PDB file of N, CA and C in Angstrom:
ATOM      1  N   MET A   1       0.805  -1.206   0.000  1.00  0.00           N
ATOM      2  CA  MET A   1       0.000   0.000   0.000  1.00  0.00           C
ATOM      3  C   MET A   1       0.845   1.266   0.000  1.00  0.00           C
ATOM      4  N   GLY A   2       2.063   1.167   0.540  1.00  0.00           N
ATOM      5  CA  GLY A   2       2.936   2.325   0.517  1.00  0.00           C
ATOM      6  C   GLY A   2       2.886   3.192   1.764  1.00  0.00           C
ATOM      7  N   ILE A   3       2.144   2.768   2.802  1.00  0.00           N
ATOM      8  CA  ILE A   3       2.123   3.517   4.063  1.00  0.00           C
ATOM      9  C   ILE A   3       2.510   2.576   5.196  1.00  0.00           C
ATOM     10  N   SER A   4       2.974   3.159   6.282  1.00  0.00           N
ATOM     11  CA  SER A   4       3.415   2.320   7.399  1.00  0.00           C
ATOM     12  C   SER A   4       2.215   1.745   8.151  1.00  0.00           C
ATOM     13  N   ARG A   5       2.467   0.670   8.893  1.00  0.00           N
ATOM     14  CA  ARG A   5       1.414   0.003   9.654  1.00  0.00           C
ATOM     15  C   ARG A   5       0.784   0.936  10.699  1.00  0.00           C
ATOM     16  N   PRO A   6       1.598   1.692  11.493  1.00  0.00           N
ATOM     17  CA  PRO A   6       0.963   2.596  12.470  1.00  0.00           C
ATOM     18  C   PRO A   6       0.081   3.667  11.819  1.00  0.00           C
ATOM     19  N   THR A   7       0.491   4.128  10.644  1.00  0.00           N
ATOM     20  CA  THR A   7      -0.322   5.121   9.942  1.00  0.00           C
ATOM     21  C   THR A   7      -1.649   4.519   9.501  1.00  0.00           C
ATOM     22  N   TYR A   8      -1.620   3.274   9.055  1.00  0.00           N
ATOM     23  CA  TYR A   8      -2.832   2.606   8.599  1.00  0.00           C
ATOM     24  C   TYR A   8      -3.826   2.416   9.743  1.00  0.00           C
ATOM     25  N   TYR A   9      -3.323   2.056  10.925  1.00  0.00           N
ATOM     26  CA  TYR A   9      -4.203   1.772  12.056  1.00  0.00           C
ATOM     27  C   TYR A   9      -4.479   2.994  12.933  1.00  0.00           C
ATOM     28  N   TYR A  10      -3.914   4.142  12.605  1.00  0.00           N
ATOM     29  CA  TYR A  10      -4.080   5.336  13.440  1.00  0.00           C
ATOM     30  C   TYR A  10      -5.528   5.814  13.427  1.00  0.00           C
ATOM     31  N   LYS A  11      -6.054   6.070  14.625  1.00  0.00           N
ATOM     32  CA  LYS A  11      -7.390   6.661  14.759  1.00  0.00           C
ATOM     33  C   LYS A  11      -7.243   7.927  15.588  1.00  0.00           C
ATOM     34  N   PRO A  12      -7.634   9.066  15.049  1.00  0.00           N
ATOM     35  CA  PRO A  12      -7.483  10.310  15.808  1.00  0.00           C
ATOM     36  C   PRO A  12      -8.334  10.296  17.071  1.00  0.00           C
ATOM     37  N   LYS A  13      -7.797  10.915  18.124  1.00  0.00           N
ATOM     38  CA  LYS A  13      -8.519  10.980  19.389  1.00  0.00           C
ATOM     39  C   LYS A  13      -9.660  11.983  19.278  1.00  0.00           C
ATOM     40  N   LYS A  14     -10.754  11.681  19.956  1.00  0.00           N
ATOM     41  CA  LYS A  14     -11.879  12.613  19.977  1.00  0.00           C
ATOM     42  C   LYS A  14     -11.588  13.720  20.970  1.00  0.00           C
ATOM     43  N   ARG A  15     -12.049  14.910  20.641  1.00  0.00           N
ATOM     44  CA  ARG A  15     -11.811  16.043  21.529  1.00  0.00           C
ATOM     45  C   ARG A  15     -12.709  15.952  22.743  1.00  0.00           C
ATOM     46  N   LYS A  16     -12.161  16.373  23.876  1.00  0.00           N
ATOM     47  CA  LYS A  16     -12.927  16.375  25.113  1.00  0.00           C
ATOM     48  C   LYS A  16     -13.933  17.522  25.076  1.00  0.00           C
ATOM     49  N   PRO A  17     -15.108  17.338  25.702  1.00  0.00           N
ATOM     50  CA  PRO A  17     -16.110  18.415  25.689  1.00  0.00           C
ATOM     51  C   PRO A  17     -15.603  19.699  26.344  1.00  0.00           C
ATOM     52  N   GLU A  18     -14.753  19.574  27.386  1.00  0.00           N
ATOM     53  CA  GLU A  18     -14.243  20.791  28.032  1.00  0.00           C
ATOM     54  C   GLU A  18     -13.275  21.540  27.113  1.00  0.00           C
ATOM     55  N   ASP A  19     -12.596  20.811  26.206  1.00  0.00           N
ATOM     56  CA  ASP A  19     -11.725  21.476  25.238  1.00  0.00           C
ATOM     57  C   ASP A  19     -12.541  22.266  24.221  1.00  0.00           C
ATOM     58  N   VAL A  20     -13.675  21.721  23.811  1.00  0.00           N
ATOM     59  CA  VAL A  20     -14.552  22.432  22.876  1.00  0.00           C
ATOM     60  C   VAL A  20     -15.081  23.703  23.536  1.00  0.00           C
ATOM     61  N   GLU A  21     -15.450  23.603  24.805  1.00  0.00           N
ATOM     62  CA  GLU A  21     -15.933  24.774  25.546  1.00  0.00           C
ATOM     63  C   GLU A  21     -14.815  25.807  25.696  1.00  0.00           C
ATOM     64  N   LEU A  22     -13.602  25.340  25.963  1.00  0.00           N
ATOM     65  CA  LEU A  22     -12.456  26.237  26.096  1.00  0.00           C
ATOM     66  C   LEU A  22     -12.161  26.937  24.771  1.00  0.00           C
ATOM     67  N   GLU A  23     -12.275  26.209  23.658  1.00  0.00           N
ATOM     68  CA  GLU A  23     -12.083  26.816  22.337  1.00  0.00           C
ATOM     69  C   GLU A  23     -13.075  27.945  22.112  1.00  0.00           C
ATOM     70  N   ASP A  24     -14.323  27.735  22.501  1.00  0.00           N
ATOM     71  CA  ASP A  24     -15.337  28.781  22.340  1.00  0.00           C
ATOM     72  C   ASP A  24     -14.990  30.017  23.165  1.00  0.00           C
ATOM     73  N   ILE A  25     -14.525  29.809  24.396  1.00  0.00           N
ATOM     74  CA  ILE A  25     -14.160  30.935  25.260  1.00  0.00           C
ATOM     75  C   ILE A  25     -12.972  31.693  24.660  1.00  0.00           C
ATOM     76  N   ILE A  26     -11.975  30.956  24.175  1.00  0.00           N
ATOM     77  CA  ILE A  26     -10.800  31.598  23.569  1.00  0.00           C
ATOM     78  C   ILE A  26     -11.191  32.351  22.305  1.00  0.00           C
ATOM     79  N   ASN A  27     -12.078  31.774  21.506  1.00  0.00           N
ATOM     80  CA  ASN A  27     -12.554  32.470  20.302  1.00  0.00           C
ATOM     81  C   ASN A  27     -13.275  33.762  20.664  1.00  0.00           C
ATOM     82  N   ASP A  28     -14.090  33.733  21.725  1.00  0.00           N
ATOM     83  CA  ASP A  28     -14.790  34.943  22.164  1.00  0.00           C
ATOM     84  C   ASP A  28     -13.799  36.027  22.592  1.00  0.00           C
ATOM     85  N   ILE A  29     -12.772  35.629  23.341  1.00  0.00           N
ATOM     86  CA  ILE A  29     -11.762  36.598  23.780  1.00  0.00           C
ATOM     87  C   ILE A  29     -11.017  37.163  22.575  1.00  0.00           C
ATOM     88  N   ALA A  30     -10.675  36.295  21.611  1.00  0.00           N
ATOM     89  CA  ALA A  30      -9.941  36.744  20.426  1.00  0.00           C
ATOM     90  C   ALA A  30     -10.789  37.671  19.562  1.00  0.00           C
ATOM     91  N   LEU A  31     -12.097  37.453  19.526  1.00  0.00           N
ATOM     92  CA  LEU A  31     -12.970  38.356  18.769  1.00  0.00           C
ATOM     93  C   LEU A  31     -13.118  39.702  19.467  1.00  0.00           C
ATOM     94  N   GLU A  32     -13.181  39.672  20.796  1.00  0.00           N
ATOM     95  CA  GLU A  32     -13.326  40.909  21.561  1.00  0.00           C
ATOM     96  C   GLU A  32     -12.031  41.725  21.546  1.00  0.00           C
ATOM     97  N   PHE A  33     -10.894  41.039  21.609  1.00  0.00           N
ATOM     98  CA  PHE A  33      -9.588  41.700  21.624  1.00  0.00           C
ATOM     99  C   PHE A  33      -8.721  41.093  20.515  1.00  0.00           C
ATOM    100  N   PRO A  34      -8.857  41.558  19.271  1.00  0.00           N
ATOM    101  CA  PRO A  34      -8.161  40.912  18.154  1.00  0.00           C
ATOM    102  C   PRO A  34      -6.639  41.029  18.196  1.00  0.00           C
ATOM    103  N   TYR A  35      -6.094  41.958  18.973  1.00  0.00           N
ATOM    104  CA  TYR A  35      -4.639  42.123  19.030  1.00  0.00           C
ATOM    105  C   TYR A  35      -4.014  41.389  20.212  1.00  0.00           C
ATOM    106  N   TYR A  36      -4.787  40.590  20.918  1.00  0.00           N
ATOM    107  CA  TYR A  36      -4.255  39.806  22.029  1.00  0.00           C
ATOM    108  C   TYR A  36      -3.555  38.571  21.483  1.00  0.00           C
ATOM    109  N   GLY A  37      -2.364  38.312  21.979  1.00  0.00           N
ATOM    110  CA  GLY A  37      -1.661  37.075  21.670  1.00  0.00           C
ATOM    111  C   GLY A  37      -2.031  36.013  22.690  1.00  0.00           C
ATOM    112  N   TYR A  38      -1.372  34.876  22.596  1.00  0.00           N
ATOM    113  CA  TYR A  38      -1.738  33.770  23.490  1.00  0.00           C
ATOM    114  C   TYR A  38      -1.405  34.084  24.942  1.00  0.00           C
ATOM    115  N   ARG A  39      -0.395  34.915  25.190  1.00  0.00           N
ATOM    116  CA  ARG A  39      -0.049  35.242  26.576  1.00  0.00           C
ATOM    117  C   ARG A  39      -1.144  36.087  27.228  1.00  0.00           C
ATOM    118  N   ARG A  40      -1.632  37.082  26.495  1.00  0.00           N
ATOM    119  CA  ARG A  40      -2.703  37.922  27.050  1.00  0.00           C
ATOM    120  C   ARG A  40      -4.000  37.144  27.189  1.00  0.00           C
ATOM    121  N   VAL A  41      -4.266  36.255  26.231  1.00  0.00           N
ATOM    122  CA  VAL A  41      -5.471  35.424  26.329  1.00  0.00           C
ATOM    123  C   VAL A  41      -5.365  34.522  27.553  1.00  0.00           C
ATOM    124  N   THR A  42      -4.178  33.963  27.810  1.00  0.00           N
ATOM    125  CA  THR A  42      -3.971  33.130  28.997  1.00  0.00           C
ATOM    126  C   THR A  42      -4.208  33.935  30.265  1.00  0.00           C
ATOM    127  N   ALA A  43      -3.705  35.174  30.300  1.00  0.00           N
ATOM    128  CA  ALA A  43      -3.907  36.036  31.472  1.00  0.00           C
ATOM    129  C   ALA A  43      -5.382  36.378  31.650  1.00  0.00           C
ATOM    130  N   THR A  44      -6.092  36.614  30.545  1.00  0.00           N
ATOM    131  CA  THR A  44      -7.528  36.905  30.618  1.00  0.00           C
ATOM    132  C   THR A  44      -8.291  35.699  31.155  1.00  0.00           C
ATOM    133  N   LEU A  45      -7.931  34.509  30.692  1.00  0.00           N
ATOM    134  CA  LEU A  45      -8.570  33.290  31.199  1.00  0.00           C
ATOM    135  C   LEU A  45      -8.297  33.120  32.691  1.00  0.00           C
ATOM    136  N   LYS A  46      -7.084  33.454  33.109  1.00  0.00           N
ATOM    137  CA  LYS A  46      -6.722  33.345  34.524  1.00  0.00           C
ATOM    138  C   LYS A  46      -7.563  34.303  35.364  1.00  0.00           C
ATOM    139  N   ARG A  47      -7.786  35.532  34.852  1.00  0.00           N
ATOM    140  CA  ARG A  47      -8.630  36.499  35.569  1.00  0.00           C
ATOM    141  C   ARG A  47     -10.071  36.018  35.672  1.00  0.00           C
ATOM    142  N   LYS A  48     -10.497  35.225  34.676  1.00  0.00           N
ATOM    143  CA  LYS A  48     -11.858  34.687  34.700  1.00  0.00           C
ATOM    144  C   LYS A  48     -11.958  33.424  35.549  1.00  0.00           C
ATOM    145  N   GLY A  49     -10.834  32.984  36.113  1.00  0.00           N
ATOM    146  CA  GLY A  49     -10.851  31.818  36.992  1.00  0.00           C
ATOM    147  C   GLY A  49     -10.527  30.509  36.309  1.00  0.00           C
ATOM    148  N   LEU A  50     -10.107  30.541  35.051  1.00  0.00           N
ATOM    149  CA  LEU A  50      -9.739  29.328  34.323  1.00  0.00           C
ATOM    150  C   LEU A  50      -8.216  29.248  34.254  1.00  0.00           C
ATOM    151  N   ILE A  51      -7.639  28.300  34.951  1.00  0.00           N
ATOM    152  CA  ILE A  51      -6.190  28.131  34.952  1.00  0.00           C
ATOM    153  C   ILE A  51      -5.833  27.128  33.860  1.00  0.00           C
ATOM    154  N   ILE A  52      -5.294  27.642  32.747  1.00  0.00           N
ATOM    155  CA  ILE A  52      -4.922  26.803  31.613  1.00  0.00           C
ATOM    156  C   ILE A  52      -3.479  27.120  31.240  1.00  0.00           C
ATOM    157  N   ASN A  53      -2.728  26.104  30.893  1.00  0.00           N
ATOM    158  CA  ASN A  53      -1.341  26.266  30.489  1.00  0.00           C
ATOM    159  C   ASN A  53      -1.264  27.115  29.224  1.00  0.00           C
ATOM    160  N   HIS A  54      -0.278  27.998  29.165  1.00  0.00           N
ATOM    161  CA  HIS A  54      -0.137  28.883  28.009  1.00  0.00           C
ATOM    162  C   HIS A  54       0.156  28.106  26.732  1.00  0.00           C
ATOM    163  N   LYS A  55       0.780  26.928  26.860  1.00  0.00           N
ATOM    164  CA  LYS A  55       1.063  26.115  25.677  1.00  0.00           C
ATOM    165  C   LYS A  55      -0.226  25.574  25.059  1.00  0.00           C
ATOM    166  N   LYS A  56      -1.180  25.221  25.905  1.00  0.00           N
ATOM    167  CA  LYS A  56      -2.465  24.722  25.414  1.00  0.00           C
ATOM    168  C   LYS A  56      -3.237  25.846  24.728  1.00  0.00           C
ATOM    169  N   VAL A  57      -3.198  27.050  25.329  1.00  0.00           N
ATOM    170  CA  VAL A  57      -3.871  28.204  24.719  1.00  0.00           C
ATOM    171  C   VAL A  57      -3.231  28.502  23.366  1.00  0.00           C
ATOM    172  N   HIS A  58      -1.906  28.458  23.298  1.00  0.00           N
ATOM    173  CA  HIS A  58      -1.206  28.715  22.034  1.00  0.00           C
ATOM    174  C   HIS A  58      -1.596  27.685  20.981  1.00  0.00           C
ATOM    175  N   ARG A  59      -1.652  26.401  21.377  1.00  0.00           N
ATOM    176  CA  ARG A  59      -2.013  25.346  20.432  1.00  0.00           C
ATOM    177  C   ARG A  59      -3.433  25.527  19.910  1.00  0.00           C
ATOM    178  N   ILE A  60      -4.363  25.864  20.801  1.00  0.00           N
ATOM    179  CA  ILE A  60      -5.757  26.061  20.387  1.00  0.00           C
ATOM    180  C   ILE A  60      -5.863  27.251  19.440  1.00  0.00           C
ATOM    181  N   MET A  61      -5.161  28.343  19.774  1.00  0.00           N
ATOM    182  CA  MET A  61      -5.209  29.522  18.911  1.00  0.00           C
ATOM    183  C   MET A  61      -4.568  29.231  17.558  1.00  0.00           C
ATOM    184  N   LYS A  62      -3.482  28.451  17.552  1.00  0.00           N
ATOM    185  CA  LYS A  62      -2.818  28.106  16.294  1.00  0.00           C
ATOM    186  C   LYS A  62      -3.711  27.205  15.446  1.00  0.00           C
ATOM    187  N   ASP A  63      -4.361  26.228  16.078  1.00  0.00           N
ATOM    188  CA  ASP A  63      -5.242  25.317  15.341  1.00  0.00           C
ATOM    189  C   ASP A  63      -6.435  26.047  14.738  1.00  0.00           C
ATOM    190  N   ASN A  64      -6.924  27.081  15.427  1.00  0.00           N
ATOM    191  CA  ASN A  64      -8.077  27.841  14.936  1.00  0.00           C
ATOM    192  C   ASN A  64      -7.672  29.063  14.112  1.00  0.00           C
ATOM    193  N   ASN A  65      -6.368  29.225  13.890  1.00  0.00           N
ATOM    194  CA  ASN A  65      -5.834  30.318  13.075  1.00  0.00           C
ATOM    195  C   ASN A  65      -6.248  31.692  13.608  1.00  0.00           C
ATOM    196  N   ILE A  66      -6.123  31.883  14.921  1.00  0.00           N
ATOM    197  CA  ILE A  66      -6.481  33.174  15.517  1.00  0.00           C
ATOM    198  C   ILE A  66      -5.303  33.812  16.248  1.00  0.00           C
ATOM    199  N   LEU A  67      -4.083  33.372  15.949  1.00  0.00           N
ATOM    200  CA  LEU A  67      -2.916  34.033  16.527  1.00  0.00           C
ATOM    201  C   LEU A  67      -2.761  35.402  15.876  1.00  0.00           C
ATOM    202  N   CYS A  68      -2.406  36.393  16.672  1.00  0.00           N
ATOM    203  CA  CYS A  68      -2.224  37.723  16.097  1.00  0.00           C
ATOM    204  C   CYS A  68      -0.854  37.798  15.438  1.00  0.00           C
ATOM    205  N   LYS A  69      -0.741  38.672  14.447  1.00  0.00           N
ATOM    206  CA  LYS A  69       0.522  38.844  13.751  1.00  0.00           C
ATOM    207  C   LYS A  69       1.444  39.716  14.585  1.00  0.00           C
ATOM    208  N   ILE A  70       2.708  39.348  14.622  1.00  0.00           N
ATOM    209  CA  ILE A  70       3.693  40.101  15.385  1.00  0.00           C
ATOM    210  C   ILE A  70       4.177  41.263  14.531  1.00  0.00           C
ATOM    211  N   LYS A  71       4.081  42.454  15.083  1.00  0.00           N
ATOM    212  CA  LYS A  71       4.529  43.635  14.371  1.00  0.00           C
ATOM    213  C   LYS A  71       6.021  43.815  14.616  1.00  0.00           C
ATOM    214  N   LYS A  72       6.798  43.798  13.547  1.00  0.00           N
ATOM    215  CA  LYS A  72       8.235  43.964  13.678  1.00  0.00           C
ATOM    216  C   LYS A  72       8.559  45.443  13.841  1.00  0.00           C
ATOM    217  N   SER A  73       9.512  45.718  14.709  1.00  0.00           N
ATOM    218  CA  SER A  73       9.900  47.102  14.921  1.00  0.00           C
ATOM    219  C   SER A  73      10.701  47.594  13.721  1.00  0.00           C
ATOM    220  N   PHE A  74      10.528  48.855  13.386  1.00  0.00           N
ATOM    221  CA  PHE A  74      11.189  49.458  12.245  1.00  0.00           C
ATOM    222  C   PHE A  74      11.947  50.679  12.720  1.00  0.00           C
ATOM    223  N   LYS A  75      13.230  50.714  12.440  1.00  0.00           N
ATOM    224  CA  LYS A  75      14.044  51.846  12.839  1.00  0.00           C
ATOM    225  C   LYS A  75      14.154  52.802  11.660  1.00  0.00           C
ATOM    226  N   LYS A  76      13.645  54.006  11.833  1.00  0.00           N
ATOM    227  CA  LYS A  76      13.691  55.008  10.778  1.00  0.00           C
ATOM    228  C   LYS A  76      15.092  55.597  10.738  1.00  0.00           C
ATOM    229  N   THR A  77      15.736  55.527   9.573  1.00  0.00           N
ATOM    230  CA  THR A  77      17.115  56.000   9.459  1.00  0.00           C
ATOM    231  C   THR A  77      17.249  57.218   8.555  1.00  0.00           C
ATOM    232  N   THR A  78      16.179  57.642   7.918  1.00  0.00           N
ATOM    233  CA  THR A  78      16.244  58.785   7.016  1.00  0.00           C
ATOM    234  C   THR A  78      15.450  59.941   7.595  1.00  0.00           C
ATOM    235  N   ASN A  79      16.049  61.120   7.579  1.00  0.00           N
ATOM    236  CA  ASN A  79      15.366  62.328   8.021  1.00  0.00           C
ATOM    237  C   ASN A  79      15.258  63.266   6.827  1.00  0.00           C
ATOM    238  N   SER A  80      14.086  63.352   6.226  1.00  0.00           N
ATOM    239  CA  SER A  80      13.887  64.204   5.057  1.00  0.00           C
ATOM    240  C   SER A  80      13.430  65.604   5.434  1.00  0.00           C
ATOM    241  N   ALA A  81      13.155  65.851   6.698  1.00  0.00           N
ATOM    242  CA  ALA A  81      12.695  67.174   7.140  1.00  0.00           C
ATOM    243  C   ALA A  81      13.903  68.011   7.556  1.00  0.00           C
ATOM    244  N   HIS A  82      14.700  68.423   6.567  1.00  0.00           N
ATOM    245  CA  HIS A  82      15.872  69.251   6.848  1.00  0.00           C
ATOM    246  C   HIS A  82      15.924  70.405   5.854  1.00  0.00           C
ATOM    247  N   ASN A  83      16.807  71.334   6.097  1.00  0.00           N
ATOM    248  CA  ASN A  83      16.931  72.514   5.239  1.00  0.00           C
ATOM    249  C   ASN A  83      18.094  72.400   4.265  1.00  0.00           C
ATOM    250  N   LEU A  84      18.685  71.237   4.140  1.00  0.00           N
ATOM    251  CA  LEU A  84      19.796  71.048   3.223  1.00  0.00           C
ATOM    252  C   LEU A  84      19.288  70.936   1.790  1.00  0.00           C
ATOM    253  N   LYS A  85      20.199  71.126   0.835  1.00  0.00           N
ATOM    254  CA  LYS A  85      19.829  71.067  -0.571  1.00  0.00           C
ATOM    255  C   LYS A  85      19.421  69.641  -0.949  1.00  0.00           C
ATOM    256  N   LYS A  86      18.330  69.531  -1.689  1.00  0.00           N
ATOM    257  CA  LYS A  86      17.856  68.231  -2.161  1.00  0.00           C
ATOM    258  C   LYS A  86      18.173  68.128  -3.648  1.00  0.00           C
ATOM    259  N   TYR A  87      18.895  67.078  -4.024  1.00  0.00           N
ATOM    260  CA  TYR A  87      19.328  66.911  -5.401  1.00  0.00           C
ATOM    261  C   TYR A  87      18.286  66.134  -6.196  1.00  0.00           C
ATOM    262  N   LYS A  88      18.181  66.480  -7.487  1.00  0.00           N
ATOM    263  CA  LYS A  88      17.233  65.804  -8.374  1.00  0.00           C
ATOM    264  C   LYS A  88      17.767  64.425  -8.749  1.00  0.00           C
ATOM    265  N   ASN A  89      16.858  63.545  -9.159  1.00  0.00           N
ATOM    266  CA  ASN A  89      17.215  62.214  -9.636  1.00  0.00           C
ATOM    267  C   ASN A  89      17.618  62.328 -11.104  1.00  0.00           C
ATOM    268  N   LEU A  90      18.916  62.326 -11.379  1.00  0.00           N
ATOM    269  CA  LEU A  90      19.417  62.552 -12.733  1.00  0.00           C
ATOM    270  C   LEU A  90      19.329  61.319 -13.627  1.00  0.00           C
ATOM    271  N   ILE A  91      19.130  60.147 -13.057  1.00  0.00           N
ATOM    272  CA  ILE A  91      19.108  58.919 -13.869  1.00  0.00           C
ATOM    273  C   ILE A  91      17.722  58.290 -13.927  1.00  0.00           C
ATOM    274  N   LYS A  92      16.712  59.084 -13.643  1.00  0.00           N
ATOM    275  CA  LYS A  92      15.351  58.545 -13.569  1.00  0.00           C
ATOM    276  C   LYS A  92      14.926  57.876 -14.874  1.00  0.00           C
ATOM    277  N   ASN A  93      15.179  58.508 -16.004  1.00  0.00           N
ATOM    278  CA  ASN A  93      14.711  57.986 -17.292  1.00  0.00           C
ATOM    279  C   ASN A  93      15.842  57.469 -18.173  1.00  0.00           C
ATOM    280  N   ILE A  94      17.022  57.233 -17.594  1.00  0.00           N
ATOM    281  CA  ILE A  94      18.160  56.765 -18.381  1.00  0.00           C
ATOM    282  C   ILE A  94      18.222  55.240 -18.342  1.00  0.00           C
ATOM    283  N   ILE A  95      18.401  54.640 -19.515  1.00  0.00           N
ATOM    284  CA  ILE A  95      18.637  53.203 -19.619  1.00  0.00           C
ATOM    285  C   ILE A  95      20.113  53.036 -19.974  1.00  0.00           C
ATOM    286  N   PRO A  96      20.916  52.427 -19.089  1.00  0.00           N
ATOM    287  CA  PRO A  96      22.360  52.325 -19.345  1.00  0.00           C
ATOM    288  C   PRO A  96      22.663  51.535 -20.617  1.00  0.00           C
ATOM    289  N   GLN A  97      23.568  52.079 -21.453  1.00  0.00           N
ATOM    290  CA  GLN A  97      23.934  51.448 -22.717  1.00  0.00           C
ATOM    291  C   GLN A  97      25.322  50.807 -22.663  1.00  0.00           C
ATOM    292  N   ARG A  98      26.165  51.224 -21.677  1.00  0.00           N
ATOM    293  CA  ARG A  98      27.526  50.694 -21.612  1.00  0.00           C
ATOM    294  C   ARG A  98      27.975  50.607 -20.152  1.00  0.00           C
ATOM    295  N   ILE A  99      29.118  49.995 -19.935  1.00  0.00           N
ATOM    296  CA  ILE A  99      29.689  49.843 -18.599  1.00  0.00           C
ATOM    297  C   ILE A  99      30.107  51.212 -18.066  1.00  0.00           C
ATOM    298  N   ASN A 100      29.966  51.390 -16.762  1.00  0.00           N
ATOM    299  CA  ASN A 100      30.363  52.609 -16.039  1.00  0.00           C
ATOM    300  C   ASN A 100      29.566  53.852 -16.437  1.00  0.00           C
ATOM    301  N   GLN A 101      28.421  53.683 -17.073  1.00  0.00           N
ATOM    302  CA  GLN A 101      27.597  54.844 -17.413  1.00  0.00           C
ATOM    303  C   GLN A 101      26.768  55.278 -16.207  1.00  0.00           C
ATOM    304  N   VAL A 102      26.224  54.303 -15.456  1.00  0.00           N
ATOM    305  CA  VAL A 102      25.401  54.609 -14.283  1.00  0.00           C
ATOM    306  C   VAL A 102      25.846  53.708 -13.135  1.00  0.00           C
ATOM    307  N   TRP A 103      26.093  54.325 -12.001  1.00  0.00           N
ATOM    308  CA  TRP A 103      26.422  53.583 -10.789  1.00  0.00           C
ATOM    309  C   TRP A 103      25.363  53.861  -9.747  1.00  0.00           C
ATOM    310  N   HIS A 104      25.006  52.837  -8.989  1.00  0.00           N
ATOM    311  CA  HIS A 104      24.084  52.991  -7.865  1.00  0.00           C
ATOM    312  C   HIS A 104      24.872  52.765  -6.584  1.00  0.00           C
ATOM    313  N   ALA A 105      24.579  53.576  -5.579  1.00  0.00           N
ATOM    314  CA  ALA A 105      25.255  53.417  -4.291  1.00  0.00           C
ATOM    315  C   ALA A 105      24.215  53.487  -3.184  1.00  0.00           C
ATOM    316  N   ASP A 106      24.463  52.729  -2.130  1.00  0.00           N
ATOM    317  CA  ASP A 106      23.564  52.746  -0.981  1.00  0.00           C
ATOM    318  C   ASP A 106      24.372  52.392   0.256  1.00  0.00           C
ATOM    319  N   ILE A 107      23.834  52.775   1.395  1.00  0.00           N
ATOM    320  CA  ILE A 107      24.481  52.480   2.665  1.00  0.00           C
ATOM    321  C   ILE A 107      23.424  51.910   3.601  1.00  0.00           C
ATOM    322  N   THR A 108      23.818  50.961   4.422  1.00  0.00           N
ATOM    323  CA  THR A 108      22.878  50.367   5.366  1.00  0.00           C
ATOM    324  C   THR A 108      23.610  49.990   6.643  1.00  0.00           C
ATOM    325  N   TYR A 109      22.832  49.754   7.682  1.00  0.00           N
ATOM    326  CA  TYR A 109      23.376  49.310   8.961  1.00  0.00           C
ATOM    327  C   TYR A 109      23.296  47.793   9.041  1.00  0.00           C
ATOM    328  N   ILE A 110      24.290  47.182   9.669  1.00  0.00           N
ATOM    329  CA  ILE A 110      24.239  45.753   9.967  1.00  0.00           C
ATOM    330  C   ILE A 110      24.516  45.602  11.456  1.00  0.00           C
ATOM    331  N   ARG A 111      23.630  44.941  12.149  1.00  0.00           N
ATOM    332  CA  ARG A 111      23.809  44.745  13.589  1.00  0.00           C
ATOM    333  C   ARG A 111      24.761  43.576  13.821  1.00  0.00           C
ATOM    334  N   ILE A 112      25.759  43.811  14.671  1.00  0.00           N
ATOM    335  CA  ILE A 112      26.632  42.738  15.123  1.00  0.00           C
ATOM    336  C   ILE A 112      26.403  42.576  16.619  1.00  0.00           C
ATOM    337  N   LEU A 113      27.208  41.786  17.284  1.00  0.00           N
ATOM    338  CA  LEU A 113      26.936  41.432  18.677  1.00  0.00           C
ATOM    339  C   LEU A 113      26.654  42.625  19.580  1.00  0.00           C
ATOM    340  N   THR A 114      27.494  43.636  19.542  1.00  0.00           N
ATOM    341  CA  THR A 114      27.344  44.724  20.512  1.00  0.00           C
ATOM    342  C   THR A 114      27.029  46.071  19.892  1.00  0.00           C
ATOM    343  N   SER A 115      27.101  46.196  18.571  1.00  0.00           N
ATOM    344  CA  SER A 115      26.866  47.505  17.954  1.00  0.00           C
ATOM    345  C   SER A 115      26.428  47.328  16.508  1.00  0.00           C
ATOM    346  N   PHE A 116      26.524  48.414  15.746  1.00  0.00           N
ATOM    347  CA  PHE A 116      26.192  48.393  14.329  1.00  0.00           C
ATOM    348  C   PHE A 116      27.453  48.679  13.517  1.00  0.00           C
ATOM    349  N   VAL A 117      27.493  48.149  12.316  1.00  0.00           N
ATOM    350  CA  VAL A 117      28.532  48.520  11.355  1.00  0.00           C
ATOM    351  C   VAL A 117      27.823  48.982  10.093  1.00  0.00           C
ATOM    352  N   TYR A 118      28.511  49.739   9.275  1.00  0.00           N
ATOM    353  CA  TYR A 118      27.946  50.236   8.034  1.00  0.00           C
ATOM    354  C   TYR A 118      28.369  49.341   6.878  1.00  0.00           C
ATOM    355  N   LEU A 119      27.470  49.192   5.910  1.00  0.00           N
ATOM    356  CA  LEU A 119      27.795  48.511   4.668  1.00  0.00           C
ATOM    357  C   LEU A 119      27.504  49.484   3.540  1.00  0.00           C
ATOM    358  N   ALA A 120      28.522  49.816   2.769  1.00  0.00           N
ATOM    359  CA  ALA A 120      28.352  50.691   1.612  1.00  0.00           C
ATOM    360  C   ALA A 120      28.476  49.827   0.364  1.00  0.00           C
ATOM    361  N   ALA A 121      27.454  49.851  -0.475  1.00  0.00           N
ATOM    362  CA  ALA A 121      27.446  49.043  -1.693  1.00  0.00           C
ATOM    363  C   ALA A 121      27.424  49.963  -2.904  1.00  0.00           C
ATOM    364  N   ILE A 122      28.266  49.660  -3.886  1.00  0.00           N
ATOM    365  CA  ILE A 122      28.301  50.415  -5.139  1.00  0.00           C
ATOM    366  C   ILE A 122      28.143  49.404  -6.263  1.00  0.00           C
ATOM    367  N   ILE A 123      27.146  49.640  -7.129  1.00  0.00           N
ATOM    368  CA  ILE A 123      26.811  48.689  -8.183  1.00  0.00           C
ATOM    369  C   ILE A 123      26.808  49.413  -9.521  1.00  0.00           C
ATOM    370  N   ASP A 124      27.418  48.789 -10.518  1.00  0.00           N
ATOM    371  CA  ASP A 124      27.374  49.321 -11.873  1.00  0.00           C
ATOM    372  C   ASP A 124      26.058  48.876 -12.494  1.00  0.00           C
ATOM    373  N   ALA A 125      25.204  49.827 -12.789  1.00  0.00           N
ATOM    374  CA  ALA A 125      23.896  49.481 -13.337  1.00  0.00           C
ATOM    375  C   ALA A 125      24.023  49.280 -14.814  1.00  0.00           C
TER     376      ALA A 125
END
């Protein structure tokens, strides 16, 4: 048949009625507070008198696809609100025809163990 013996005989376990009730409560909390993650939902359940392991809450939220998305922090590195001269984009409509006609340059930060280092890249377009 092409499948292993344990896979052939496997029967999924039925969910306990208290787990179904817990799923409903977690869904209600997630609908009321859509930006709550599993830790806050666990704390809310604890305030309501339900002591449930945070791993179980996380698993239920993951199975029901109600985990909130984690917002990554963004460090703004450009300050355009200054009084310095602003230069025009001279290569906006140019299509390079030969080598060394247009170069692109950029600088970025790279985080290392204790600080940042700069990376300057220059590319022949």
